Amino acid sequence: MALKFYYDLMSQPCRALYIFLKMTGIPYEAHEIALRKMEHMTDDFKKLNPLKKVPVIDDAGFVLTER
């Protein structure tokens, strides 16, 4: 099962993680979160990261967030 990667390429930390995932060949499922459309403020995203920041990685229930 591939990990889920929540990102917006406008964010420098997201771009760095995106490049890392591409270069290492780690399989992932991309979920773009448009910061400019306030998609990070939705209740569904808040369940993943209460601080409402990207990037977020969900690896089979283990959620790693930007703090």
N, C-alpha and C. Protein backbone atom coordinates (compact mmCIF):
# COMPACT_ATOMS: atom_id res chain seq x y z
N MET A 1 0.84 -1.18 0.00
CA MET A 1 0.00 0.00 0.00
C MET A 1 0.88 1.25 0.00
N ALA A 2 0.65 2.13 -0.92
CA ALA A 2 1.45 3.35 -1.05
C ALA A 2 1.04 4.37 0.01
N LEU A 3 2.00 5.19 0.40
CA LEU A 3 1.66 6.24 1.36
C LEU A 3 0.92 7.36 0.66
N LYS A 4 0.16 8.12 1.44
CA LYS A 4 -0.60 9.25 0.90
C LYS A 4 0.17 10.52 1.20
N PHE A 5 0.36 11.33 0.19
CA PHE A 5 1.14 12.57 0.29
C PHE A 5 0.23 13.75 -0.01
N TYR A 6 -0.03 14.57 1.00
CA TYR A 6 -0.88 15.76 0.86
C TYR A 6 0.05 16.96 0.72
N TYR A 7 -0.14 17.75 -0.34
CA TYR A 7 0.84 18.79 -0.66
C TYR A 7 0.22 19.94 -1.45
N ASP A 8 0.96 21.02 -1.52
CA ASP A 8 0.74 22.11 -2.47
C ASP A 8 2.13 22.55 -2.90
N LEU A 9 2.40 22.51 -4.18
CA LEU A 9 3.75 22.82 -4.65
C LEU A 9 4.14 24.29 -4.47
N MET A 10 3.22 25.13 -4.02
CA MET A 10 3.58 26.50 -3.66
C MET A 10 4.40 26.52 -2.37
N SER A 11 4.31 25.46 -1.59
CA SER A 11 5.03 25.34 -0.32
C SER A 11 6.41 24.74 -0.54
N GLN A 12 7.44 25.41 -0.07
CA GLN A 12 8.80 24.91 -0.25
C GLN A 12 9.01 23.55 0.42
N PRO A 13 8.53 23.31 1.65
CA PRO A 13 8.70 21.98 2.23
C PRO A 13 8.00 20.89 1.41
N CYS A 14 6.87 21.21 0.81
CA CYS A 14 6.18 20.24 -0.04
C CYS A 14 7.00 19.92 -1.28
N ARG A 15 7.60 20.95 -1.88
CA ARG A 15 8.43 20.73 -3.07
C ARG A 15 9.63 19.85 -2.74
N ALA A 16 10.25 20.08 -1.59
CA ALA A 16 11.41 19.28 -1.18
C ALA A 16 11.02 17.82 -0.99
N LEU A 17 9.90 17.59 -0.34
CA LEU A 17 9.43 16.23 -0.11
C LEU A 17 9.01 15.57 -1.43
N TYR A 18 8.38 16.33 -2.31
CA TYR A 18 7.98 15.82 -3.63
C TYR A 18 9.21 15.35 -4.41
N ILE A 19 10.26 16.16 -4.42
CA ILE A 19 11.50 15.79 -5.11
C ILE A 19 12.11 14.55 -4.48
N PHE A 20 12.12 14.48 -3.15
CA PHE A 20 12.65 13.31 -2.46
C PHE A 20 11.89 12.04 -2.84
N LEU A 21 10.57 12.11 -2.84
CA LEU A 21 9.77 10.93 -3.20
C LEU A 21 10.02 10.51 -4.64
N LYS A 22 10.13 11.47 -5.55
CA LYS A 22 10.40 11.16 -6.96
C LYS A 22 11.78 10.54 -7.15
N MET A 23 12.79 11.12 -6.49
CA MET A 23 14.17 10.64 -6.67
C MET A 23 14.39 9.25 -6.08
N THR A 24 13.72 8.94 -4.98
CA THR A 24 13.92 7.65 -4.33
C THR A 24 13.02 6.55 -4.88
N GLY A 25 11.99 6.94 -5.63
CA GLY A 25 11.09 5.95 -6.20
C GLY A 25 10.12 5.35 -5.19
N ILE A 26 9.95 6.00 -4.05
CA ILE A 26 8.99 5.53 -3.05
C ILE A 26 7.59 5.69 -3.64
N PRO A 27 6.79 4.62 -3.64
CA PRO A 27 5.44 4.74 -4.19
C PRO A 27 4.56 5.60 -3.28
N TYR A 28 3.80 6.50 -3.88
CA TYR A 28 2.93 7.36 -3.10
C TYR A 28 1.68 7.71 -3.89
N GLU A 29 0.65 8.09 -3.17
CA GLU A 29 -0.61 8.54 -3.75
C GLU A 29 -0.70 10.03 -3.47
N ALA A 30 -0.70 10.85 -4.51
CA ALA A 30 -0.67 12.31 -4.36
C ALA A 30 -2.07 12.87 -4.15
N HIS A 31 -2.17 13.77 -3.17
CA HIS A 31 -3.42 14.49 -2.89
C HIS A 31 -3.07 15.96 -2.80
N GLU A 32 -3.39 16.71 -3.86
CA GLU A 32 -3.07 18.14 -3.86
C GLU A 32 -4.07 18.90 -2.99
N ILE A 33 -3.55 19.74 -2.12
CA ILE A 33 -4.34 20.61 -1.25
C ILE A 33 -4.04 22.04 -1.69
N ALA A 34 -5.00 22.70 -2.31
CA ALA A 34 -4.79 24.06 -2.84
C ALA A 34 -4.89 25.08 -1.70
N LEU A 35 -3.74 25.56 -1.27
CA LEU A 35 -3.71 26.54 -0.18
C LEU A 35 -4.43 27.82 -0.57
N ARG A 36 -4.29 28.23 -1.82
CA ARG A 36 -4.90 29.48 -2.27
C ARG A 36 -6.43 29.39 -2.29
N LYS A 37 -6.97 28.16 -2.31
CA LYS A 37 -8.42 27.96 -2.26
C LYS A 37 -8.88 27.58 -0.85
N MET A 38 -7.96 27.67 0.11
CA MET A 38 -8.25 27.39 1.52
C MET A 38 -8.68 25.94 1.77
N GLU A 39 -8.23 25.01 0.93
CA GLU A 39 -8.59 23.61 1.11
C GLU A 39 -7.98 23.01 2.38
N HIS A 40 -6.94 23.63 2.92
CA HIS A 40 -6.33 23.14 4.15
C HIS A 40 -7.15 23.51 5.39
N MET A 41 -8.19 24.30 5.22
CA MET A 41 -9.04 24.71 6.34
C MET A 41 -10.29 23.84 6.48
N THR A 42 -10.45 22.83 5.62
CA THR A 42 -11.64 21.98 5.69
C THR A 42 -11.58 21.05 6.90
N ASP A 43 -12.73 20.59 7.31
CA ASP A 43 -12.80 19.68 8.47
C ASP A 43 -12.08 18.36 8.19
N ASP A 44 -12.18 17.86 6.95
CA ASP A 44 -11.49 16.61 6.61
C ASP A 44 -9.98 16.75 6.75
N PHE A 45 -9.43 17.86 6.27
CA PHE A 45 -7.98 18.05 6.38
C PHE A 45 -7.58 18.31 7.83
N LYS A 46 -8.42 18.98 8.57
CA LYS A 46 -8.13 19.26 9.99
C LYS A 46 -8.01 17.97 10.79
N LYS A 47 -8.71 16.91 10.37
CA LYS A 47 -8.59 15.61 11.03
C LYS A 47 -7.19 15.03 10.82
N LEU A 48 -6.59 15.31 9.66
CA LEU A 48 -5.23 14.82 9.39
C LEU A 48 -4.20 15.64 10.15
N ASN A 49 -4.33 16.96 10.08
CA ASN A 49 -3.38 17.86 10.73
C ASN A 49 -4.14 19.01 11.38
N PRO A 50 -4.30 18.97 12.70
CA PRO A 50 -5.04 20.03 13.39
C PRO A 50 -4.42 21.41 13.21
N LEU A 51 -3.13 21.48 12.87
CA LEU A 51 -2.49 22.78 12.64
C LEU A 51 -2.73 23.29 11.22
N LYS A 52 -3.36 22.47 10.38
CA LYS A 52 -3.77 22.83 9.01
C LYS A 52 -2.60 23.27 8.13
N LYS A 53 -1.51 22.51 8.22
CA LYS A 53 -0.33 22.81 7.40
C LYS A 53 -0.02 21.63 6.49
N VAL A 54 0.65 21.92 5.39
CA VAL A 54 1.15 20.89 4.49
C VAL A 54 2.68 20.96 4.52
N PRO A 55 3.37 19.90 4.24
CA PRO A 55 2.94 18.60 3.78
C PRO A 55 2.46 17.70 4.92
N VAL A 56 1.69 16.67 4.52
CA VAL A 56 1.25 15.62 5.43
C VAL A 56 1.48 14.30 4.71
N ILE A 57 2.00 13.33 5.45
CA ILE A 57 2.16 11.97 4.94
C ILE A 57 1.34 11.05 5.82
N ASP A 58 0.54 10.22 5.18
CA ASP A 58 -0.25 9.21 5.88
C ASP A 58 0.22 7.85 5.38
N ASP A 59 0.90 7.11 6.24
CA ASP A 59 1.42 5.79 5.87
C ASP A 59 0.63 4.74 6.65
N ALA A 60 -0.46 4.28 6.06
CA ALA A 60 -1.31 3.25 6.66
C ALA A 60 -1.75 3.63 8.07
N GLY A 61 -2.15 4.87 8.26
CA GLY A 61 -2.64 5.31 9.56
C GLY A 61 -1.63 6.06 10.41
N PHE A 62 -0.34 5.93 10.10
CA PHE A 62 0.68 6.71 10.80
C PHE A 62 0.80 8.04 10.07
N VAL A 63 0.38 9.12 10.73
CA VAL A 63 0.34 10.43 10.08
C VAL A 63 1.53 11.27 10.56
N LEU A 64 2.30 11.76 9.58
CA LEU A 64 3.45 12.62 9.85
C LEU A 64 3.14 13.99 9.27
N THR A 65 3.23 15.03 10.10
CA THR A 65 2.83 16.37 9.68
C THR A 65 3.95 17.38 9.84
N GLU A 66 3.79 18.49 9.14
CA GLU A 66 4.68 19.64 9.30
C GLU A 66 4.24 20.37 10.55
N ARG A 67 5.15 20.65 11.47
CA ARG A 67 4.79 21.34 12.72
C ARG A 67 5.40 22.69 12.77
